[in-house]
Amino acid sequence: MRAIQVSEVGGPGVLRLVDIDQPRPGPGQAVVEVAASGVNFLDVYHRQGRYTLPLPFTPGT
């Protein structure tokens, strides 16, 4: 599957389209296919490094 990933902090140029493994649900979980998604301003702060997350991460909190 394809996902946008951030592997370094910075401007919009650090967003990369990557191929990742299809997630496998655990007990009591489900995988939902998302055709389109938005991001909120906290995701911008994460990308810029104002609020840190372990790298790499996929925006969309």
N, C-alpha and C. Protein backbone atom coordinates (compact mmCIF):
# COMPACT_ATOMS: atom_id res chain seq x y z
N MET A 1 0.84 -1.17 0.00
CA MET A 1 0.00 0.00 0.00
C MET A 1 0.88 1.23 0.00
N ARG A 2 0.34 2.35 -0.41
CA ARG A 2 1.11 3.59 -0.44
C ARG A 2 0.68 4.51 0.70
N ALA A 3 1.64 5.27 1.22
CA ALA A 3 1.36 6.21 2.31
C ALA A 3 2.32 7.39 2.20
N ILE A 4 1.89 8.51 2.71
CA ILE A 4 2.78 9.66 2.85
C ILE A 4 3.53 9.47 4.16
N GLN A 5 4.83 9.64 4.12
CA GLN A 5 5.65 9.46 5.31
C GLN A 5 6.60 10.63 5.47
N VAL A 6 6.91 10.96 6.71
CA VAL A 6 7.89 11.99 7.05
C VAL A 6 9.05 11.29 7.73
N SER A 7 10.24 11.36 7.13
CA SER A 7 11.41 10.71 7.73
C SER A 7 12.44 11.72 8.21
N GLU A 8 12.17 13.00 8.00
CA GLU A 8 12.99 14.09 8.53
C GLU A 8 12.08 15.29 8.69
N VAL A 9 12.37 16.15 9.65
CA VAL A 9 11.53 17.32 9.85
C VAL A 9 11.90 18.41 8.86
N GLY A 10 10.91 19.27 8.54
CA GLY A 10 11.16 20.35 7.61
C GLY A 10 9.87 20.82 6.96
N GLY A 11 10.01 21.45 5.81
CA GLY A 11 8.89 21.99 5.06
C GLY A 11 8.13 20.91 4.32
N PRO A 12 7.18 21.32 3.47
CA PRO A 12 6.37 20.35 2.73
C PRO A 12 7.20 19.40 1.86
N GLY A 13 8.41 19.78 1.50
CA GLY A 13 9.26 18.94 0.67
C GLY A 13 9.73 17.65 1.32
N VAL A 14 9.54 17.51 2.65
CA VAL A 14 9.96 16.29 3.33
C VAL A 14 8.90 15.20 3.26
N LEU A 15 7.71 15.53 2.75
CA LEU A 15 6.64 14.53 2.59
C LEU A 15 6.99 13.62 1.44
N ARG A 16 6.98 12.32 1.66
CA ARG A 16 7.35 11.34 0.64
C ARG A 16 6.26 10.30 0.49
N LEU A 17 5.95 9.95 -0.75
CA LEU A 17 5.04 8.85 -1.04
C LEU A 17 5.87 7.58 -1.05
N VAL A 18 5.53 6.64 -0.15
CA VAL A 18 6.31 5.41 -0.02
C VAL A 18 5.38 4.21 -0.05
N ASP A 19 5.94 3.06 -0.39
CA ASP A 19 5.23 1.79 -0.31
C ASP A 19 5.52 1.18 1.05
N ILE A 20 4.47 0.79 1.77
CA ILE A 20 4.62 0.15 3.07
C ILE A 20 3.81 -1.14 3.08
N ASP A 21 4.10 -2.00 4.04
CA ASP A 21 3.35 -3.24 4.18
C ASP A 21 1.91 -2.95 4.57
N GLN A 22 0.99 -3.77 4.05
CA GLN A 22 -0.42 -3.67 4.44
C GLN A 22 -0.54 -3.99 5.92
N PRO A 23 -1.19 -3.14 6.72
CA PRO A 23 -1.32 -3.45 8.14
C PRO A 23 -2.18 -4.69 8.36
N ARG A 24 -1.86 -5.45 9.38
CA ARG A 24 -2.63 -6.65 9.73
C ARG A 24 -3.30 -6.38 11.09
N PRO A 25 -4.60 -6.56 11.14
CA PRO A 25 -5.30 -6.28 12.40
C PRO A 25 -4.97 -7.33 13.47
N GLY A 26 -4.90 -6.86 14.69
CA GLY A 26 -4.74 -7.76 15.83
C GLY A 26 -6.11 -8.15 16.37
N PRO A 27 -6.14 -8.87 17.46
CA PRO A 27 -7.42 -9.27 18.05
C PRO A 27 -8.28 -8.05 18.41
N GLY A 28 -9.52 -8.07 17.98
CA GLY A 28 -10.44 -6.97 18.28
C GLY A 28 -10.22 -5.72 17.45
N GLN A 29 -9.38 -5.80 16.41
CA GLN A 29 -9.09 -4.65 15.56
C GLN A 29 -9.61 -4.90 14.15
N ALA A 30 -9.67 -3.83 13.36
CA ALA A 30 -10.09 -3.92 11.96
C ALA A 30 -9.21 -3.00 11.13
N VAL A 31 -8.99 -3.35 9.87
CA VAL A 31 -8.28 -2.47 8.94
C VAL A 31 -9.35 -1.81 8.07
N VAL A 32 -9.28 -0.48 7.96
CA VAL A 32 -10.25 0.28 7.19
C VAL A 32 -9.54 0.93 6.02
N GLU A 33 -10.05 0.74 4.81
CA GLU A 33 -9.47 1.39 3.63
C GLU A 33 -9.94 2.84 3.59
N VAL A 34 -8.99 3.76 3.49
CA VAL A 34 -9.29 5.18 3.44
C VAL A 34 -8.94 5.69 2.05
N ALA A 35 -9.92 6.20 1.34
CA ALA A 35 -9.69 6.69 -0.02
C ALA A 35 -9.09 8.09 -0.02
N ALA A 36 -9.47 8.92 0.93
CA ALA A 36 -8.95 10.29 1.03
C ALA A 36 -8.98 10.69 2.49
N SER A 37 -8.02 11.51 2.88
CA SER A 37 -7.92 11.92 4.27
C SER A 37 -7.35 13.32 4.35
N GLY A 38 -7.73 14.04 5.37
CA GLY A 38 -7.16 15.35 5.62
C GLY A 38 -6.20 15.29 6.79
N VAL A 39 -5.46 16.34 6.96
CA VAL A 39 -4.59 16.45 8.12
C VAL A 39 -4.94 17.74 8.84
N ASN A 40 -4.64 17.81 10.11
CA ASN A 40 -4.92 19.04 10.85
C ASN A 40 -3.62 19.78 11.16
N PHE A 41 -3.74 20.92 11.81
CA PHE A 41 -2.56 21.76 12.00
C PHE A 41 -1.53 21.12 12.90
N LEU A 42 -1.94 20.23 13.79
CA LEU A 42 -0.96 19.53 14.63
C LEU A 42 0.00 18.71 13.77
N ASP A 43 -0.52 18.15 12.66
CA ASP A 43 0.34 17.40 11.75
C ASP A 43 1.41 18.30 11.13
N VAL A 44 1.07 19.54 10.86
CA VAL A 44 2.06 20.50 10.33
C VAL A 44 3.14 20.73 11.38
N TYR A 45 2.74 20.90 12.64
CA TYR A 45 3.73 21.08 13.71
C TYR A 45 4.64 19.87 13.84
N HIS A 46 4.07 18.67 13.71
CA HIS A 46 4.90 17.46 13.76
C HIS A 46 5.90 17.46 12.60
N ARG A 47 5.43 17.76 11.39
CA ARG A 47 6.32 17.78 10.22
C ARG A 47 7.43 18.80 10.39
N GLN A 48 7.11 19.95 10.97
CA GLN A 48 8.11 21.01 11.16
C GLN A 48 9.07 20.71 12.30
N GLY A 49 8.72 19.77 13.17
CA GLY A 49 9.57 19.45 14.31
C GLY A 49 9.26 20.25 15.56
N ARG A 50 8.18 21.04 15.55
CA ARG A 50 7.81 21.80 16.74
C ARG A 50 7.35 20.88 17.86
N TYR A 51 6.63 19.83 17.50
CA TYR A 51 6.25 18.76 18.42
C TYR A 51 6.82 17.49 17.83
N THR A 52 7.67 16.82 18.57
CA THR A 52 8.39 15.69 17.98
C THR A 52 7.61 14.39 18.07
N LEU A 53 7.80 13.58 17.05
CA LEU A 53 7.32 12.21 16.98
C LEU A 53 8.50 11.36 16.54
N PRO A 54 8.50 10.09 16.88
CA PRO A 54 9.55 9.22 16.36
C PRO A 54 9.47 9.16 14.83
N LEU A 55 10.62 9.24 14.18
CA LEU A 55 10.68 9.19 12.72
C LEU A 55 10.95 7.78 12.24
N PRO A 56 10.41 7.37 11.14
CA PRO A 56 9.46 8.06 10.29
C PRO A 56 8.05 7.95 10.87
N PHE A 57 7.16 8.88 10.46
CA PHE A 57 5.77 8.80 10.87
C PHE A 57 4.88 9.16 9.68
N THR A 58 3.64 8.73 9.77
CA THR A 58 2.64 9.04 8.76
C THR A 58 1.71 10.09 9.34
N PRO A 59 1.60 11.28 8.71
CA PRO A 59 0.70 12.31 9.23
C PRO A 59 -0.75 11.82 9.25
N GLY A 60 -1.52 12.41 10.13
CA GLY A 60 -2.94 12.10 10.19
C GLY A 60 -3.46 11.84 11.58
N THR A 61 -2.92 12.55 12.56
CA THR A 61 -3.40 12.33 13.92
C THR A 61 -4.78 12.86 14.04
